[in-house]
C-alpha atoms as a PDB file:
ATOM      1  CA  UNK A   1       5.696   8.999  -9.296  1.00  0.00           C
ATOM      2  CA  UNK A   2       2.442   7.953  -9.995  1.00  0.00           C
ATOM      3  CA  UNK A   3       3.363   4.424  -8.928  1.00  0.00           C
ATOM      4  CA  UNK A   4       4.539   5.144  -5.977  1.00  0.00           C
ATOM      5  CA  UNK A   5       1.818   8.183  -5.064  1.00  0.00           C
ATOM      6  CA  UNK A   6      -1.236   5.552  -5.724  1.00  0.00           C
ATOM      7  CA  UNK A   7       0.673   2.865  -3.561  1.00  0.00           C
ATOM      8  CA  UNK A   8       0.729   5.910  -0.816  1.00  0.00           C
ATOM      9  CA  UNK A   9      -2.953   6.748  -1.225  1.00  0.00           C
ATOM     10  CA  UNK A  10      -4.185   3.064  -0.565  1.00  0.00           C
ATOM     11  CA  UNK A  11      -2.496   1.715   1.566  1.00  0.00           C
ATOM     12  CA  UNK A  12      -3.541   5.584   3.532  1.00  0.00           C
ATOM     13  CA  UNK A  13      -7.112   4.098   2.326  1.00  0.00           C
ATOM     14  CA  UNK A  14      -7.019   0.871   4.000  1.00  0.00           C
ATOM     15  CA  UNK A  15      -5.063   2.025   7.348  1.00  0.00           C
ATOM     16  CA  UNK A  16      -8.002   4.583   7.469  1.00  0.00           C
ATOM     17  CA  UNK A  17     -10.553   2.077   6.869  1.00  0.00           C
ATOM     18  CA  UNK A  18      -8.713  -0.077   9.642  1.00  0.00           C
ATOM     19  CA  UNK A  19      -8.524   2.222  12.614  1.00  0.00           C
ATOM     20  CA  UNK A  20     -12.326   3.112  11.950  1.00  0.00           C
ATOM     21  CA  UNK A  21     -14.152  -0.655  11.459  1.00  0.00           C
ATOM     22  CA  UNK A  22     -11.549  -2.128  14.473  1.00  0.00           C
ATOM     23  CA  UNK A  23     -13.091   0.434  17.080  1.00  0.00           C
ATOM     24  CA  UNK A  24     -16.457   0.744  16.326  1.00  0.00           C
ATOM     25  CA  UNK A  25     -17.480  -2.616  17.821  1.00  0.00           C
ATOM     26  CA  UNK A  26     -16.541  -1.200  21.061  1.00  0.00           C
ATOM     27  CA  UNK A  27     -17.574   2.492  20.817  1.00  0.00           C
ATOM     28  CA  UNK A  28     -21.141   1.154  19.349  1.00  0.00           C
ATOM     29  CA  UNK A  29     -21.076  -0.887  22.623  1.00  0.00           C
ATOM     30  CA  UNK A  30     -19.723   1.813  25.160  1.00  0.00           C
ATOM     31  CA  UNK A  31     -21.177   5.177  24.198  1.00  0.00           C
ATOM     32  CA  UNK A  32     -23.954   3.933  21.476  1.00  0.00           C
ATOM     33  CA  UNK A  33     -24.430   4.696  18.260  1.00  0.00           C
ATOM     34  CA  UNK A  34     -24.946   8.604  18.055  1.00  0.00           C
ATOM     35  CA  UNK A  35     -22.109   9.061  20.113  1.00  0.00           C
ATOM     36  CA  UNK A  36     -20.042   6.634  17.598  1.00  0.00           C
ATOM     37  CA  UNK A  37     -21.267   8.392  14.761  1.00  0.00           C
ATOM     38  CA  UNK A  38     -20.413  11.945  16.513  1.00  0.00           C
ATOM     39  CA  UNK A  39     -17.886  11.095  17.829  1.00  0.00           C
ATOM     40  CA  UNK A  40     -16.368  10.317  13.969  1.00  0.00           C
ATOM     41  CA  UNK A  41     -18.234  13.183  12.865  1.00  0.00           C
ATOM     42  CA  UNK A  42     -15.906  15.541  15.332  1.00  0.00           C
ATOM     43  CA  UNK A  43     -12.886  14.044  13.861  1.00  0.00           C
ATOM     44  CA  UNK A  44     -14.363  14.623  10.307  1.00  0.00           C
ATOM     45  CA  UNK A  45     -14.834  18.791  11.235  1.00  0.00           C
ATOM     46  CA  UNK A  46     -11.933  19.223  12.714  1.00  0.00           C
ATOM     47  CA  UNK A  47      -9.591  17.038   9.585  1.00  0.00           C
ATOM     48  CA  UNK A  48     -11.840  19.628   7.143  1.00  0.00           C
ATOM     49  CA  UNK A  49      -9.727  22.301   9.067  1.00  0.00           C
ATOM     50  CA  UNK A  50      -6.543  20.867   9.565  1.00  0.00           C
ATOM     51  CA  UNK A  51      -6.463  20.049   5.391  1.00  0.00           C
ATOM     52  CA  UNK A  52      -7.438  23.735   4.917  1.00  0.00           C
ATOM     53  CA  UNK A  53      -4.734  24.600   6.999  1.00  0.00           C
ATOM     54  CA  UNK A  54      -1.837  22.350   5.809  1.00  0.00           C
ATOM     55  CA  UNK A  55      -2.826  21.351   2.186  1.00  0.00           C
ATOM     56  CA  UNK A  56      -1.689  23.519  -0.570  1.00  0.00           C
ATOM     57  CA  UNK A  57      -3.802  23.473  -4.016  1.00  0.00           C
ATOM     58  CA  UNK A  58      -3.076  21.697  -6.448  1.00  0.00           C
ATOM     59  CA  UNK A  59      -5.702  21.624  -8.558  1.00  0.00           C
ATOM     60  CA  UNK A  60      -4.858  22.067 -12.467  1.00  0.00           C
ATOM     61  CA  UNK A  61      -1.096  20.828 -11.788  1.00  0.00           C
ATOM     62  CA  UNK A  62      -0.020  17.259 -12.753  1.00  0.00           C
ATOM     63  CA  UNK A  63       1.851  14.831 -10.593  1.00  0.00           C
ATOM     64  CA  UNK A  64       4.400  15.748 -13.003  1.00  0.00           C
ATOM     65  CA  UNK A  65       4.837  19.628 -12.412  1.00  0.00           C
ATOM     66  CA  UNK A  66       4.812  19.320  -8.651  1.00  0.00           C
ATOM     67  CA  UNK A  67       7.809  17.206  -8.620  1.00  0.00           C
ATOM     68  CA  UNK A  68       8.860  19.630 -11.002  1.00  0.00           C
ATOM     69  CA  UNK A  69      12.122  22.349  -9.564  1.00  0.00           C
ATOM     70  CA  UNK A  70      10.276  25.110  -8.299  1.00  0.00           C
ATOM     71  CA  UNK A  71       7.774  23.106  -6.268  1.00  0.00           C
ATOM     72  CA  UNK A  72       8.237  24.478  -1.942  1.00  0.00           C
ATOM     73  CA  UNK A  73       9.380  21.157  -1.868  1.00  0.00           C
ATOM     74  CA  UNK A  74      11.942  21.747  -4.323  1.00  0.00           C
ATOM     75  CA  UNK A  75      12.676  25.155  -2.606  1.00  0.00           C
ATOM     76  CA  UNK A  76      12.967  23.688   1.117  1.00  0.00           C
ATOM     77  CA  UNK A  77      15.632  21.662  -0.587  1.00  0.00           C
ATOM     78  CA  UNK A  78      17.312  24.209  -1.920  1.00  0.00           C
ATOM     79  CA  UNK A  79      17.134  23.432  -5.970  1.00  0.00           C
ATOM     80  CA  UNK A  80      16.430  26.882  -7.486  1.00  0.00           C
ATOM     81  CA  UNK A  81      14.909  27.109 -10.904  1.00  0.00           C
ATOM     82  CA  UNK A  82      12.703  29.878 -12.566  1.00  0.00           C
ATOM     83  CA  UNK A  83       9.573  28.430 -15.415  1.00  0.00           C
ATOM     84  CA  UNK A  84       9.562  29.654 -18.733  1.00  0.00           C
ATOM     85  CA  UNK A  85       7.294  28.760 -21.100  1.00  0.00           C
ATOM     86  CA  UNK A  86       8.414  28.941 -24.831  1.00  0.00           C
ATOM     87  CA  UNK A  87       6.708  28.230 -27.674  1.00  0.00           C
ATOM     88  CA  UNK A  88       6.079  29.625 -31.256  1.00  0.00           C
ATOM     89  CA  UNK A  89       4.088  31.127 -32.715  1.00  0.00           C
ATOM     90  CA  UNK A  90       1.192  29.576 -33.800  1.00  0.00           C
ATOM     91  CA  UNK A  91       2.490  26.049 -32.878  1.00  0.00           C
ATOM     92  CA  UNK A  92       1.261  23.716 -30.020  1.00  0.00           C
ATOM     93  CA  UNK A  93       1.963  24.474 -26.205  1.00  0.00           C
ATOM     94  CA  UNK A  94       3.942  21.843 -24.947  1.00  0.00           C
ATOM     95  CA  UNK A  95       3.839  22.564 -21.602  1.00  0.00           C
ATOM     96  CA  UNK A  96       6.435  24.602 -19.067  1.00  0.00           C
ATOM     97  CA  UNK A  97       9.972  23.857 -18.653  1.00  0.00           C
ATOM     98  CA  UNK A  98      12.621  24.782 -15.975  1.00  0.00           C
ATOM     99  CA  UNK A  99      15.340  26.789 -16.479  1.00  0.00           C
ATOM    100  CA  UNK A 100      18.149  27.362 -14.017  1.00  0.00           C
ATOM    101  CA  UNK A 101      18.224  30.699 -12.927  1.00  0.00           C
END
């Protein structure tokens, strides 16, 4: 999953750069520098609200944990599981394991 995520993030970065760079000379000639940067700032402000509303917090989780059953996407696909953490006293934690309900 990590390789696919890196590929998608690289593609979106290059695509975003392309979509910002190509119309800039046209915007600069038509609405000026202040207007072009103002338009980009407005889109950035709108994107903050979209990210806060739609993107879920993943702090402290690895990509592998996000791809396991029990995630929102897995529940939407009909995959259910119960999260259990099993370890012996004094043993090093191995991470969470998923057991079917």
